[in-house]
Amino acid sequence: MNNLTFILYHFVLFSIALVTNVFFDRYLGPPLDFDDLIASVVAIPIFIVVALLIGKLYKQHKSITLKSKVLLSILSFIMAAIFLIVLENIWFEITGNMLF
């Protein structure tokens, strides 16, 4: 049960990080302007909060070994990426527009 909660929390946090990255990626580009600055000001705190919560999860689940935590984190990242890809494909089939 510990492993399942660890994977689910990481899945949610990695999904948030990936969606944030996808949405703010279009505003960040080589010519640095005001839009890039605003996107960075909004995105960086989100990434910091996600990183801090992941650190808390690593400390909270003491019954899981570090090797298992790393492998479960990789698994949850892959699951989050696949989930977002499937969600994008379903959305495109329904509406004909790209979601991300």
PDB file of N, CA and C in Angstrom:
ATOM      1  N   MET A   1       0.815  -1.192   0.000  1.00  0.00           N
ATOM      2  CA  MET A   1       0.000   0.000   0.000  1.00  0.00           C
ATOM      3  C   MET A   1       0.860   1.258   0.000  1.00  0.00           C
ATOM      4  N   ASN A   2       1.996   1.204   0.685  1.00  0.00           N
ATOM      5  CA  ASN A   2       2.924   2.336   0.685  1.00  0.00           C
ATOM      6  C   ASN A   2       3.421   2.640  -0.715  1.00  0.00           C
ATOM      7  N   ASN A   3       3.740   1.585  -1.457  1.00  0.00           N
ATOM      8  CA  ASN A   3       4.229   1.782  -2.818  1.00  0.00           C
ATOM      9  C   ASN A   3       3.162   2.428  -3.695  1.00  0.00           C
ATOM     10  N   LEU A   4       1.922   2.020  -3.518  1.00  0.00           N
ATOM     11  CA  LEU A   4       0.839   2.564  -4.330  1.00  0.00           C
ATOM     12  C   LEU A   4       0.622   4.049  -4.047  1.00  0.00           C
ATOM     13  N   THR A   5       0.616   4.442  -2.785  1.00  0.00           N
ATOM     14  CA  THR A   5       0.443   5.858  -2.466  1.00  0.00           C
ATOM     15  C   THR A   5       1.634   6.672  -2.965  1.00  0.00           C
ATOM     16  N   PHE A   6       2.820   6.115  -2.853  1.00  0.00           N
ATOM     17  CA  PHE A   6       4.021   6.791  -3.348  1.00  0.00           C
ATOM     18  C   PHE A   6       3.916   7.023  -4.857  1.00  0.00           C
ATOM     19  N   ILE A   7       3.491   6.004  -5.588  1.00  0.00           N
ATOM     20  CA  ILE A   7       3.355   6.129  -7.044  1.00  0.00           C
ATOM     21  C   ILE A   7       2.254   7.129  -7.394  1.00  0.00           C
ATOM     22  N   LEU A   8       1.135   7.072  -6.707  1.00  0.00           N
ATOM     23  CA  LEU A   8       0.030   7.986  -7.023  1.00  0.00           C
ATOM     24  C   LEU A   8       0.395   9.440  -6.752  1.00  0.00           C
ATOM     25  N   TYR A   9       1.030   9.719  -5.640  1.00  0.00           N
ATOM     26  CA  TYR A   9       1.445  11.089  -5.350  1.00  0.00           C
ATOM     27  C   TYR A   9       2.449  11.581  -6.387  1.00  0.00           C
ATOM     28  N   HIS A  10       3.401  10.748  -6.729  1.00  0.00           N
ATOM     29  CA  HIS A  10       4.378  11.134  -7.745  1.00  0.00           C
ATOM     30  C   HIS A  10       3.718  11.312  -9.101  1.00  0.00           C
ATOM     31  N   PHE A  11       2.766  10.461  -9.420  1.00  0.00           N
ATOM     32  CA  PHE A  11       2.045  10.572 -10.682  1.00  0.00           C
ATOM     33  C   PHE A  11       1.365  11.939 -10.790  1.00  0.00           C
ATOM     34  N   VAL A  12       0.699  12.356  -9.728  1.00  0.00           N
ATOM     35  CA  VAL A  12       0.016  13.651  -9.730  1.00  0.00           C
ATOM     36  C   VAL A  12       1.023  14.793  -9.830  1.00  0.00           C
ATOM     37  N   LEU A  13       2.097  14.720  -9.066  1.00  0.00           N
ATOM     38  CA  LEU A  13       3.091  15.794  -9.093  1.00  0.00           C
ATOM     39  C   LEU A  13       3.804  15.869 -10.435  1.00  0.00           C
ATOM     40  N   PHE A  14       4.156  14.726 -11.019  1.00  0.00           N
ATOM     41  CA  PHE A  14       4.801  14.740 -12.330  1.00  0.00           C
ATOM     42  C   PHE A  14       3.838  15.212 -13.410  1.00  0.00           C
ATOM     43  N   SER A  15       2.564  14.882 -13.281  1.00  0.00           N
ATOM     44  CA  SER A  15       1.570  15.375 -14.246  1.00  0.00           C
ATOM     45  C   SER A  15       1.479  16.893 -14.184  1.00  0.00           C
ATOM     46  N   ILE A  16       1.464  17.444 -12.988  1.00  0.00           N
ATOM     47  CA  ILE A  16       1.429  18.899 -12.823  1.00  0.00           C
ATOM     48  C   ILE A  16       2.664  19.536 -13.444  1.00  0.00           C
ATOM     49  N   ALA A  17       3.822  18.958 -13.193  1.00  0.00           N
ATOM     50  CA  ALA A  17       5.057  19.508 -13.746  1.00  0.00           C
ATOM     51  C   ALA A  17       5.067  19.431 -15.273  1.00  0.00           C
ATOM     52  N   LEU A  18       4.626  18.320 -15.834  1.00  0.00           N
ATOM     53  CA  LEU A  18       4.618  18.172 -17.289  1.00  0.00           C
ATOM     54  C   LEU A  18       3.623  19.121 -17.948  1.00  0.00           C
ATOM     55  N   VAL A  19       2.436  19.257 -17.373  1.00  0.00           N
ATOM     56  CA  VAL A  19       1.442  20.179 -17.942  1.00  0.00           C
ATOM     57  C   VAL A  19       1.937  21.622 -17.845  1.00  0.00           C
ATOM     58  N   THR A  20       2.548  21.978 -16.729  1.00  0.00           N
ATOM     59  CA  THR A  20       3.110  23.321 -16.580  1.00  0.00           C
ATOM     60  C   THR A  20       4.190  23.560 -17.623  1.00  0.00           C
ATOM     61  N   ASN A  21       5.041  22.586 -17.836  1.00  0.00           N
ATOM     62  CA  ASN A  21       6.101  22.718 -18.828  1.00  0.00           C
ATOM     63  C   ASN A  21       5.521  22.882 -20.228  1.00  0.00           C
ATOM     64  N   VAL A  22       4.510  22.112 -20.566  1.00  0.00           N
ATOM     65  CA  VAL A  22       3.913  22.189 -21.901  1.00  0.00           C
ATOM     66  C   VAL A  22       3.247  23.543 -22.115  1.00  0.00           C
ATOM     67  N   PHE A  23       2.496  24.027 -21.136  1.00  0.00           N
ATOM     68  CA  PHE A  23       1.784  25.292 -21.307  1.00  0.00           C
ATOM     69  C   PHE A  23       2.719  26.495 -21.367  1.00  0.00           C
ATOM     70  N   PHE A  24       3.775  26.502 -20.578  1.00  0.00           N
ATOM     71  CA  PHE A  24       4.654  27.662 -20.552  1.00  0.00           C
ATOM     72  C   PHE A  24       5.802  27.568 -21.546  1.00  0.00           C
ATOM     73  N   ASP A  25       5.965  26.450 -22.215  1.00  0.00           N
ATOM     74  CA  ASP A  25       7.048  26.293 -23.176  1.00  0.00           C
ATOM     75  C   ASP A  25       6.881  27.222 -24.373  1.00  0.00           C
ATOM     76  N   ARG A  26       5.660  27.481 -24.773  1.00  0.00           N
ATOM     77  CA  ARG A  26       5.432  28.328 -25.953  1.00  0.00           C
ATOM     78  C   ARG A  26       5.798  29.777 -25.694  1.00  0.00           C
ATOM     79  N   TYR A  27       5.862  30.204 -24.437  1.00  0.00           N
ATOM     80  CA  TYR A  27       6.200  31.586 -24.121  1.00  0.00           C
ATOM     81  C   TYR A  27       7.686  31.806 -23.910  1.00  0.00           C
ATOM     82  N   LEU A  28       8.428  30.739 -23.746  1.00  0.00           N
ATOM     83  CA  LEU A  28       9.864  30.855 -23.501  1.00  0.00           C
ATOM     84  C   LEU A  28      10.619  30.605 -24.794  1.00  0.00           C
ATOM     85  N   GLY A  29      11.372  31.603 -25.230  1.00  0.00           N
ATOM     86  CA  GLY A  29      12.114  31.467 -26.469  1.00  0.00           C
ATOM     87  C   GLY A  29      13.366  32.322 -26.442  1.00  0.00           C
ATOM     88  N   PRO A  30      14.159  32.213 -27.501  1.00  0.00           N
ATOM     89  CA  PRO A  30      15.435  32.931 -27.550  1.00  0.00           C
ATOM     90  C   PRO A  30      15.343  34.454 -27.386  1.00  0.00           C
ATOM     91  N   PRO A  31      14.448  35.167 -28.064  1.00  0.00           N
ATOM     92  CA  PRO A  31      14.431  36.612 -27.773  1.00  0.00           C
ATOM     93  C   PRO A  31      13.721  36.853 -26.445  1.00  0.00           C
ATOM     94  N   LEU A  32      14.487  37.165 -25.430  1.00  0.00           N
ATOM     95  CA  LEU A  32      13.930  37.359 -24.095  1.00  0.00           C
ATOM     96  C   LEU A  32      13.127  38.657 -24.061  1.00  0.00           C
ATOM     97  N   ASP A  33      11.845  38.548 -23.759  1.00  0.00           N
ATOM     98  CA  ASP A  33      11.007  39.729 -23.675  1.00  0.00           C
ATOM     99  C   ASP A  33      10.110  39.628 -22.439  1.00  0.00           C
ATOM    100  N   PHE A  34       9.115  40.493 -22.372  1.00  0.00           N
ATOM    101  CA  PHE A  34       8.256  40.570 -21.192  1.00  0.00           C
ATOM    102  C   PHE A  34       7.441  39.292 -21.000  1.00  0.00           C
ATOM    103  N   ASP A  35       6.993  38.672 -22.094  1.00  0.00           N
ATOM    104  CA  ASP A  35       6.223  37.428 -21.989  1.00  0.00           C
ATOM    105  C   ASP A  35       7.054  36.306 -21.374  1.00  0.00           C
ATOM    106  N   ASP A  36       8.321  36.239 -21.747  1.00  0.00           N
ATOM    107  CA  ASP A  36       9.215  35.233 -21.168  1.00  0.00           C
ATOM    108  C   ASP A  36       9.382  35.448 -19.667  1.00  0.00           C
ATOM    109  N   LEU A  37       9.504  36.704 -19.283  1.00  0.00           N
ATOM    110  CA  LEU A  37       9.671  37.023 -17.870  1.00  0.00           C
ATOM    111  C   LEU A  37       8.430  36.633 -17.064  1.00  0.00           C
ATOM    112  N   ILE A  38       7.251  36.964 -17.569  1.00  0.00           N
ATOM    113  CA  ILE A  38       6.006  36.616 -16.875  1.00  0.00           C
ATOM    114  C   ILE A  38       5.839  35.104 -16.799  1.00  0.00           C
ATOM    115  N   ALA A  39       6.115  34.397 -17.900  1.00  0.00           N
ATOM    116  CA  ALA A  39       5.993  32.938 -17.900  1.00  0.00           C
ATOM    117  C   ALA A  39       6.960  32.313 -16.896  1.00  0.00           C
ATOM    118  N   SER A  40       8.147  32.847 -16.800  1.00  0.00           N
ATOM    119  CA  SER A  40       9.126  32.328 -15.836  1.00  0.00           C
ATOM    120  C   SER A  40       8.690  32.597 -14.401  1.00  0.00           C
ATOM    121  N   VAL A  41       8.158  33.791 -14.165  1.00  0.00           N
ATOM    122  CA  VAL A  41       7.708  34.146 -12.810  1.00  0.00           C
ATOM    123  C   VAL A  41       6.561  33.245 -12.361  1.00  0.00           C
ATOM    124  N   VAL A  42       5.720  32.822 -13.291  1.00  0.00           N
ATOM    125  CA  VAL A  42       4.605  31.950 -12.937  1.00  0.00           C
ATOM    126  C   VAL A  42       5.044  30.486 -12.844  1.00  0.00           C
ATOM    127  N   ALA A  43       5.894  30.032 -13.772  1.00  0.00           N
ATOM    128  CA  ALA A  43       6.258  28.619 -13.847  1.00  0.00           C
ATOM    129  C   ALA A  43       7.260  28.200 -12.766  1.00  0.00           C
ATOM    130  N   ILE A  44       8.210  29.034 -12.453  1.00  0.00           N
ATOM    131  CA  ILE A  44       9.262  28.644 -11.504  1.00  0.00           C
ATOM    132  C   ILE A  44       8.695  28.315 -10.118  1.00  0.00           C
ATOM    133  N   PRO A  45       7.781  29.098  -9.554  1.00  0.00           N
ATOM    134  CA  PRO A  45       7.218  28.697  -8.250  1.00  0.00           C
ATOM    135  C   PRO A  45       6.474  27.365  -8.298  1.00  0.00           C
ATOM    136  N   ILE A  46       5.816  27.081  -9.412  1.00  0.00           N
ATOM    137  CA  ILE A  46       5.127  25.792  -9.541  1.00  0.00           C
ATOM    138  C   ILE A  46       6.139  24.660  -9.499  1.00  0.00           C
ATOM    139  N   PHE A  47       7.240  24.800 -10.230  1.00  0.00           N
ATOM    140  CA  PHE A  47       8.273  23.764 -10.235  1.00  0.00           C
ATOM    141  C   PHE A  47       8.936  23.631  -8.866  1.00  0.00           C
ATOM    142  N   ILE A  48       9.122  24.741  -8.172  1.00  0.00           N
ATOM    143  CA  ILE A  48       9.727  24.690  -6.834  1.00  0.00           C
ATOM    144  C   ILE A  48       8.811  23.951  -5.861  1.00  0.00           C
ATOM    145  N   VAL A  49       7.519  24.240  -5.916  1.00  0.00           N
ATOM    146  CA  VAL A  49       6.569  23.561  -5.028  1.00  0.00           C
ATOM    147  C   VAL A  49       6.539  22.062  -5.324  1.00  0.00           C
ATOM    148  N   VAL A  50       6.528  21.700  -6.603  1.00  0.00           N
ATOM    149  CA  VAL A  50       6.532  20.279  -6.970  1.00  0.00           C
ATOM    150  C   VAL A  50       7.802  19.604  -6.466  1.00  0.00           C
ATOM    151  N   ALA A  51       8.943  20.259  -6.643  1.00  0.00           N
ATOM    152  CA  ALA A  51      10.209  19.677  -6.180  1.00  0.00           C
ATOM    153  C   ALA A  51      10.221  19.517  -4.656  1.00  0.00           C
ATOM    154  N   LEU A  52       9.702  20.507  -3.945  1.00  0.00           N
ATOM    155  CA  LEU A  52       9.654  20.405  -2.483  1.00  0.00           C
ATOM    156  C   LEU A  52       8.724  19.281  -2.032  1.00  0.00           C
ATOM    157  N   LEU A  53       7.579  19.147  -2.698  1.00  0.00           N
ATOM    158  CA  LEU A  53       6.661  18.064  -2.332  1.00  0.00           C
ATOM    159  C   LEU A  53       7.248  16.691  -2.641  1.00  0.00           C
ATOM    160  N   ILE A  54       7.987  16.576  -3.723  1.00  0.00           N
ATOM    161  CA  ILE A  54       8.645  15.303  -4.023  1.00  0.00           C
ATOM    162  C   ILE A  54       9.691  14.989  -2.955  1.00  0.00           C
ATOM    163  N   GLY A  55      10.423  16.006  -2.520  1.00  0.00           N
ATOM    164  CA  GLY A  55      11.384  15.799  -1.434  1.00  0.00           C
ATOM    165  C   GLY A  55      10.712  15.351  -0.149  1.00  0.00           C
ATOM    166  N   LYS A  56       9.554  15.941   0.164  1.00  0.00           N
ATOM    167  CA  LYS A  56       8.811  15.521   1.357  1.00  0.00           C
ATOM    168  C   LYS A  56       8.326  14.081   1.225  1.00  0.00           C
ATOM    169  N   LEU A  57       7.916  13.705   0.011  1.00  0.00           N
ATOM    170  CA  LEU A  57       7.474  12.325  -0.191  1.00  0.00           C
ATOM    171  C   LEU A  57       8.617  11.338   0.034  1.00  0.00           C
ATOM    172  N   TYR A  58       9.807  11.701  -0.427  1.00  0.00           N
ATOM    173  CA  TYR A  58      10.950  10.810  -0.220  1.00  0.00           C
ATOM    174  C   TYR A  58      11.243  10.642   1.268  1.00  0.00           C
ATOM    175  N   LYS A  59      11.108  11.720   2.043  1.00  0.00           N
ATOM    176  CA  LYS A  59      11.375  11.633   3.474  1.00  0.00           C
ATOM    177  C   LYS A  59      10.252  10.931   4.230  1.00  0.00           C
ATOM    178  N   GLN A  60       9.014  11.090   3.765  1.00  0.00           N
ATOM    179  CA  GLN A  60       7.860  10.550   4.477  1.00  0.00           C
ATOM    180  C   GLN A  60       7.781   9.027   4.382  1.00  0.00           C
ATOM    181  N   HIS A  61       8.108   8.473   3.245  1.00  0.00           N
ATOM    182  CA  HIS A  61       8.001   7.024   3.038  1.00  0.00           C
ATOM    183  C   HIS A  61       9.333   6.360   3.403  1.00  0.00           C
ATOM    184  N   LYS A  62       9.537   6.160   4.683  1.00  0.00           N
ATOM    185  CA  LYS A  62      10.794   5.585   5.169  1.00  0.00           C
ATOM    186  C   LYS A  62      10.843   4.071   5.009  1.00  0.00           C
ATOM    187  N   SER A  63       9.687   3.447   4.843  1.00  0.00           N
ATOM    188  CA  SER A  63       9.665   1.989   4.728  1.00  0.00           C
ATOM    189  C   SER A  63      10.100   1.506   3.340  1.00  0.00           C
ATOM    190  N   ILE A  64      10.185   2.415   2.385  1.00  0.00           N
ATOM    191  CA  ILE A  64      10.599   2.056   1.024  1.00  0.00           C
ATOM    192  C   ILE A  64      12.070   2.400   0.879  1.00  0.00           C
ATOM    193  N   THR A  65      12.845   1.483   0.313  1.00  0.00           N
ATOM    194  CA  THR A  65      14.271   1.735   0.129  1.00  0.00           C
ATOM    195  C   THR A  65      14.488   2.792  -0.950  1.00  0.00           C
ATOM    196  N   LEU A  66      15.668   3.405  -0.926  1.00  0.00           N
ATOM    197  CA  LEU A  66      15.978   4.466  -1.878  1.00  0.00           C
ATOM    198  C   LEU A  66      15.955   3.948  -3.316  1.00  0.00           C
ATOM    199  N   LYS A  67      16.472   2.754  -3.529  1.00  0.00           N
ATOM    200  CA  LYS A  67      16.464   2.171  -4.866  1.00  0.00           C
ATOM    201  C   LYS A  67      15.027   1.995  -5.369  1.00  0.00           C
ATOM    202  N   SER A  68      14.156   1.521  -4.500  1.00  0.00           N
ATOM    203  CA  SER A  68      12.749   1.359  -4.879  1.00  0.00           C
ATOM    204  C   SER A  68      12.091   2.701  -5.132  1.00  0.00           C
ATOM    205  N   LYS A  69      12.426   3.701  -4.330  1.00  0.00           N
ATOM    206  CA  LYS A  69      11.855   5.030  -4.530  1.00  0.00           C
ATOM    207  C   LYS A  69      12.229   5.590  -5.897  1.00  0.00           C
ATOM    208  N   VAL A  70      13.488   5.436  -6.270  1.00  0.00           N
ATOM    209  CA  VAL A  70      13.940   5.943  -7.567  1.00  0.00           C
ATOM    210  C   VAL A  70      13.241   5.198  -8.698  1.00  0.00           C
ATOM    211  N   LEU A  71      13.161   3.892  -8.596  1.00  0.00           N
ATOM    212  CA  LEU A  71      12.492   3.116  -9.645  1.00  0.00           C
ATOM    213  C   LEU A  71      11.001   3.435  -9.718  1.00  0.00           C
ATOM    214  N   LEU A  72      10.356   3.606  -8.569  1.00  0.00           N
ATOM    215  CA  LEU A  72       8.941   3.963  -8.561  1.00  0.00           C
ATOM    216  C   LEU A  72       8.717   5.377  -9.102  1.00  0.00           C
ATOM    217  N   SER A  73       9.669   6.279  -8.849  1.00  0.00           N
ATOM    218  CA  SER A  73       9.564   7.627  -9.402  1.00  0.00           C
ATOM    219  C   SER A  73       9.678   7.615 -10.921  1.00  0.00           C
ATOM    220  N   ILE A  74      10.597   6.824 -11.436  1.00  0.00           N
ATOM    221  CA  ILE A  74      10.743   6.697 -12.891  1.00  0.00           C
ATOM    222  C   ILE A  74       9.473   6.107 -13.489  1.00  0.00           C
ATOM    223  N   LEU A  75       8.935   5.086 -12.834  1.00  0.00           N
ATOM    224  CA  LEU A  75       7.698   4.475 -13.300  1.00  0.00           C
ATOM    225  C   LEU A  75       6.547   5.477 -13.303  1.00  0.00           C
ATOM    226  N   SER A  76       6.415   6.261 -12.246  1.00  0.00           N
ATOM    227  CA  SER A  76       5.318   7.228 -12.186  1.00  0.00           C
ATOM    228  C   SER A  76       5.504   8.352 -13.201  1.00  0.00           C
ATOM    229  N   PHE A  77       6.743   8.737 -13.500  1.00  0.00           N
ATOM    230  CA  PHE A  77       6.985   9.748 -14.537  1.00  0.00           C
ATOM    231  C   PHE A  77       6.561   9.215 -15.902  1.00  0.00           C
ATOM    232  N   ILE A  78       6.911   7.984 -16.191  1.00  0.00           N
ATOM    233  CA  ILE A  78       6.510   7.370 -17.466  1.00  0.00           C
ATOM    234  C   ILE A  78       4.996   7.237 -17.537  1.00  0.00           C
ATOM    235  N   MET A  79       4.371   6.854 -16.427  1.00  0.00           N
ATOM    236  CA  MET A  79       2.908   6.751 -16.396  1.00  0.00           C
ATOM    237  C   MET A  79       2.251   8.113 -16.620  1.00  0.00           C
ATOM    238  N   ALA A  80       2.797   9.171 -16.031  1.00  0.00           N
ATOM    239  CA  ALA A  80       2.243  10.517 -16.210  1.00  0.00           C
ATOM    240  C   ALA A  80       2.379  10.966 -17.659  1.00  0.00           C
ATOM    241  N   ALA A  81       3.521  10.688 -18.274  1.00  0.00           N
ATOM    242  CA  ALA A  81       3.719  11.066 -19.668  1.00  0.00           C
ATOM    243  C   ALA A  81       2.753  10.307 -20.579  1.00  0.00           C
ATOM    244  N   ILE A  82       2.607   9.024 -20.353  1.00  0.00           N
ATOM    245  CA  ILE A  82       1.683   8.224 -21.161  1.00  0.00           C
ATOM    246  C   ILE A  82       0.244   8.697 -20.950  1.00  0.00           C
ATOM    247  N   PHE A  83      -0.123   9.001 -19.716  1.00  0.00           N
ATOM    248  CA  PHE A  83      -1.474   9.490 -19.427  1.00  0.00           C
ATOM    249  C   PHE A  83      -1.760  10.788 -20.183  1.00  0.00           C
ATOM    250  N   LEU A  84      -0.800  11.708 -20.175  1.00  0.00           N
ATOM    251  CA  LEU A  84      -1.013  12.974 -20.876  1.00  0.00           C
ATOM    252  C   LEU A  84      -1.064  12.783 -22.394  1.00  0.00           C
ATOM    253  N   ILE A  85      -0.290  11.855 -22.914  1.00  0.00           N
ATOM    254  CA  ILE A  85      -0.340  11.563 -24.340  1.00  0.00           C
ATOM    255  C   ILE A  85      -1.692  10.968 -24.717  1.00  0.00           C
ATOM    256  N   VAL A  86      -2.177  10.036 -23.928  1.00  0.00           N
ATOM    257  CA  VAL A  86      -3.494   9.434 -24.194  1.00  0.00           C
ATOM    258  C   VAL A  86      -4.595  10.482 -24.061  1.00  0.00           C
ATOM    259  N   LEU A  87      -4.506  11.331 -23.033  1.00  0.00           N
ATOM    260  CA  LEU A  87      -5.487  12.393 -22.863  1.00  0.00           C
ATOM    261  C   LEU A  87      -5.497  13.332 -24.063  1.00  0.00           C
ATOM    262  N   GLU A  88      -4.326  13.671 -24.560  1.00  0.00           N
ATOM    263  CA  GLU A  88      -4.215  14.517 -25.751  1.00  0.00           C
ATOM    264  C   GLU A  88      -4.847  13.854 -26.966  1.00  0.00           C
ATOM    265  N   ASN A  89      -4.593  12.577 -27.154  1.00  0.00           N
ATOM    266  CA  ASN A  89      -5.161  11.863 -28.299  1.00  0.00           C
ATOM    267  C   ASN A  89      -6.681  11.748 -28.204  1.00  0.00           C
ATOM    268  N   ILE A  90      -7.206  11.484 -27.026  1.00  0.00           N
ATOM    269  CA  ILE A  90      -8.660  11.412 -26.859  1.00  0.00           C
ATOM    270  C   ILE A  90      -9.285  12.781 -27.114  1.00  0.00           C
ATOM    271  N   TRP A  91      -8.682  13.828 -26.584  1.00  0.00           N
ATOM    272  CA  TRP A  91      -9.200  15.175 -26.801  1.00  0.00           C
ATOM    273  C   TRP A  91      -9.202  15.534 -28.283  1.00  0.00           C
ATOM    274  N   PHE A  92      -8.129  15.162 -28.992  1.00  0.00           N
ATOM    275  CA  PHE A  92      -8.040  15.463 -30.423  1.00  0.00           C
ATOM    276  C   PHE A  92      -9.103  14.709 -31.210  1.00  0.00           C
ATOM    277  N   GLU A  93      -9.367  13.453 -30.831  1.00  0.00           N
ATOM    278  CA  GLU A  93     -10.400  12.679 -31.522  1.00  0.00           C
ATOM    279  C   GLU A  93     -11.795  13.265 -31.290  1.00  0.00           C
ATOM    280  N   ILE A  94     -12.035  13.807 -30.102  1.00  0.00           N
ATOM    281  CA  ILE A  94     -13.357  14.346 -29.793  1.00  0.00           C
ATOM    282  C   ILE A  94     -13.564  15.713 -30.452  1.00  0.00           C
ATOM    283  N   THR A  95     -12.608  16.613 -30.301  1.00  0.00           N
ATOM    284  CA  THR A  95     -12.808  17.991 -30.738  1.00  0.00           C
ATOM    285  C   THR A  95     -12.111  18.339 -32.051  1.00  0.00           C
ATOM    286  N   GLY A  96     -11.072  17.637 -32.384  1.00  0.00           N
ATOM    287  CA  GLY A  96     -10.301  17.978 -33.576  1.00  0.00           C
ATOM    288  C   GLY A  96      -9.256  19.033 -33.311  1.00  0.00           C
ATOM    289  N   ASN A  97      -9.132  19.491 -32.085  1.00  0.00           N
ATOM    290  CA  ASN A  97      -8.131  20.503 -31.703  1.00  0.00           C
ATOM    291  C   ASN A  97      -7.127  19.874 -30.749  1.00  0.00           C
ATOM    292  N   MET A  98      -5.903  20.359 -30.829  1.00  0.00           N
ATOM    293  CA  MET A  98      -4.871  19.883 -29.920  1.00  0.00           C
ATOM    294  C   MET A  98      -5.084  20.520 -28.547  1.00  0.00           C
ATOM    295  N   LEU A  99      -4.953  19.738 -27.501  1.00  0.00           N
ATOM    296  CA  LEU A  99      -5.132  20.230 -26.142  1.00  0.00           C
ATOM    297  C   LEU A  99      -3.874  20.928 -25.644  1.00  0.00           C
ATOM    298  N   PHE A 100      -2.726  20.339 -25.876  1.00  0.00           N
ATOM    299  CA  PHE A 100      -1.472  20.907 -25.403  1.00  0.00           C
ATOM    300  C   PHE A 100      -0.713  21.493 -26.566  1.00  0.00           C
TER     301      PHE A 100
END
